[in-house]
Amino acid sequence: MKSVRNAAFVSSVAAAASIALVGCSTGNDKSPVDSSTKAAPATAVAFPEPPPYTYEIHGKEIRVATGSADPHDLLNTYNKVARTLRPTLPEGGYWIGINCTTGGTEKADRRLANGTIAVGQLGKAQIGDLGKFEGVVSGAQCP
C-alpha cells in the first residue's frame, strides 16, 4: 500500500512540475507570446531641420557658419552636424564652434554656440563622453 501511495505522490509531483513548466520556453517553440510583454516597435525620430549652414573641418576643430542666433536653431544645427559628421570622421574628439555668417562671409569673432563630438573610444577619452551641445554664448547675436 505504501508503494502505491509513493507512486501516487511521485505522479502528482511530476504533474505539478509539468504544469509549472508549461509557461516556460526554450526559444525553439512557436508558442504565442503575451502581447503585453512585447517591446514597443522602434520608431524613427524626426529631428527639426536647422536653418542653412556650412562647415569646415580644420584638424579637430569644426567651424560651422549659420545666419540664425535663435537658441533652438543653434541646437538643431549642432545636432545635424553631429549626426552627419560622426560616421565620417576618424576617431577622436572634435570641438564645434558655431559662428554667425552674413552675406556668405563668416564672422569668426561672432561666436554663437559651442559643442563637442566624440568619435570612438579615443574620442570618448578625449572629450569625456559622446559629446554635447555646450550652449549658446551669452549675448550671441547674428544680424
Protein backbone atom coordinates (compact mmCIF):
# COMPACT_ATOMS: atom_id res chain seq x y z
CA MET A 1 0.00 0.00 0.00
CA LYS A 2 2.87 2.27 0.83
CA SER A 3 4.38 1.87 -2.67
CA VAL A 4 1.02 2.80 -4.25
CA ARG A 5 0.91 5.97 -2.13
CA ASN A 6 4.52 6.82 -3.07
CA ALA A 7 3.75 6.26 -6.73
CA ALA A 8 0.68 8.49 -6.46
CA PHE A 9 2.74 11.16 -4.70
CA VAL A 10 5.50 11.00 -7.33
CA SER A 11 2.87 11.21 -10.09
CA SER A 12 1.22 14.25 -8.54
CA VAL A 13 4.60 16.00 -8.08
CA ALA A 14 5.53 15.27 -11.70
CA ALA A 15 2.15 16.57 -12.89
CA ALA A 16 2.55 19.76 -10.85
CA ALA A 17 6.06 20.25 -12.21
CA SER A 18 4.88 19.81 -15.78
CA ILE A 19 2.06 22.30 -15.23
CA ALA A 20 4.57 24.81 -13.83
CA LEU A 21 6.80 24.34 -16.86
CA VAL A 22 4.03 24.92 -19.40
CA GLY A 23 4.74 28.67 -19.38
CA CYS A 24 8.50 28.19 -19.88
CA SER A 25 10.10 28.31 -23.27
CA THR A 26 13.45 27.26 -24.68
CA GLY A 27 13.17 29.76 -27.51
CA ASN A 28 12.75 26.98 -30.06
CA ASP A 29 8.99 26.68 -29.90
CA LYS A 30 6.48 28.70 -31.86
CA SER A 31 4.10 29.36 -28.95
CA PRO A 32 2.32 32.72 -28.86
CA VAL A 33 3.77 35.41 -26.62
CA ASP A 34 1.65 37.64 -24.44
CA SER A 35 1.43 40.95 -26.33
CA SER A 36 1.65 42.94 -23.10
CA THR A 37 5.28 41.86 -22.68
CA LYS A 38 6.41 42.72 -26.21
CA ALA A 39 8.69 45.70 -26.62
CA ALA A 40 7.26 48.65 -28.48
CA PRO A 41 8.43 48.80 -32.09
CA ALA A 42 11.27 51.20 -32.78
CA THR A 43 10.10 54.40 -34.38
CA ALA A 44 12.12 56.89 -36.35
CA VAL A 45 12.75 60.16 -34.59
CA ALA A 46 12.03 63.23 -36.68
CA PHE A 47 14.62 65.89 -35.96
CA PRO A 48 13.82 69.53 -36.72
CA GLU A 49 15.65 70.80 -39.77
CA PRO A 50 18.09 73.62 -38.93
CA PRO A 51 18.44 76.79 -40.99
CA PRO A 52 21.04 76.69 -43.78
CA TYR A 53 24.63 76.32 -42.59
CA THR A 54 28.08 75.50 -43.88
CA TYR A 55 31.01 73.87 -42.13
CA GLU A 56 34.75 73.42 -42.49
CA ILE A 57 36.91 70.89 -40.69
CA HIS A 58 40.32 72.11 -39.53
CA GLY A 59 42.04 69.26 -37.69
CA LYS A 60 39.98 68.64 -34.57
CA GLU A 61 38.00 71.87 -34.95
CA ILE A 62 34.74 72.03 -36.88
CA ARG A 63 33.74 75.56 -37.83
CA VAL A 64 30.06 75.96 -38.58
CA ALA A 65 28.56 79.13 -40.07
CA THR A 66 24.86 79.96 -39.86
CA GLY A 67 22.68 83.03 -40.12
CA SER A 68 20.50 82.43 -37.05
CA ALA A 69 21.25 83.12 -33.39
CA ASP A 70 17.99 81.55 -32.21
CA PRO A 71 18.89 79.01 -29.46
CA HIS A 72 16.62 76.32 -30.96
CA ASP A 73 18.18 76.82 -34.40
CA LEU A 74 21.67 76.57 -32.91
CA LEU A 75 20.82 73.35 -31.08
CA ASN A 76 19.27 71.89 -34.24
CA THR A 77 22.35 72.92 -36.23
CA TYR A 78 24.67 71.24 -33.70
CA ASN A 79 22.55 68.07 -33.74
CA LYS A 80 22.51 67.90 -37.54
CA VAL A 81 26.27 68.48 -37.80
CA ALA A 82 26.95 65.82 -35.15
CA ARG A 83 24.63 63.25 -36.79
CA THR A 84 26.03 63.96 -40.24
CA LEU A 85 29.74 64.06 -39.44
CA ARG A 86 30.14 61.48 -36.64
CA PRO A 87 30.04 58.47 -39.02
CA THR A 88 32.52 60.10 -41.43
CA LEU A 89 35.20 61.36 -39.02
CA PRO A 90 38.25 59.42 -37.84
CA GLU A 91 38.32 58.51 -34.15
CA GLY A 92 38.98 61.40 -31.83
CA GLY A 93 37.46 64.34 -30.01
CA TYR A 94 36.23 67.33 -32.01
CA TRP A 95 35.29 70.83 -30.97
CA ILE A 96 32.48 72.63 -32.75
CA GLY A 97 32.25 76.39 -32.96
CA ILE A 98 29.06 77.81 -34.48
CA ASN A 99 29.63 81.31 -35.81
CA CYS A 100 27.48 83.99 -37.40
CA THR A 101 27.57 84.44 -41.14
CA THR A 102 26.11 87.37 -43.03
CA GLY A 103 26.13 87.66 -46.76
CA GLY A 104 28.12 84.45 -47.15
CA THR A 105 31.09 85.52 -45.03
CA GLU A 106 31.73 84.04 -41.61
CA LYS A 107 32.30 86.39 -38.72
CA ALA A 108 34.75 84.37 -36.60
CA ASP A 109 34.52 86.95 -33.85
CA ARG A 110 30.76 86.37 -33.69
CA ARG A 111 30.68 83.05 -31.83
CA LEU A 112 27.11 81.89 -31.31
CA ALA A 113 27.48 78.47 -29.70
CA ASN A 114 29.93 75.70 -28.84
CA GLY A 115 29.83 71.94 -28.69
CA THR A 116 31.87 68.75 -28.88
CA ILE A 117 31.66 65.45 -30.75
CA ALA A 118 33.38 62.23 -29.72
CA VAL A 119 34.06 59.55 -32.30
CA GLY A 120 35.02 56.10 -31.00
CA GLN A 121 36.77 55.21 -27.76
CA LEU A 122 39.57 57.71 -28.38
CA GLY A 123 37.01 60.49 -28.74
CA LYS A 124 35.28 59.46 -25.53
CA ALA A 125 38.63 59.54 -23.73
CA GLN A 126 39.50 62.96 -25.13
CA ILE A 127 36.06 64.57 -24.68
CA GLY A 128 34.93 62.66 -21.62
CA ASP A 129 31.65 61.49 -23.12
CA LEU A 130 29.90 61.24 -26.50
CA GLY A 131 29.97 64.98 -26.94
CA LYS A 132 27.39 67.62 -26.26
CA PHE A 133 25.96 70.97 -27.18
CA GLU A 134 27.66 73.24 -24.69
CA GLY A 135 25.19 76.02 -25.20
CA VAL A 136 24.66 79.42 -26.70
CA VAL A 137 27.27 82.08 -25.99
CA SER A 138 25.92 84.80 -23.74
CA GLY A 139 24.67 87.78 -25.74
CA ALA A 140 25.02 85.95 -29.07
CA GLN A 141 23.52 87.87 -31.97
CA CYS A 142 23.59 87.44 -35.69
CA PRO A 143 22.20 90.22 -37.84
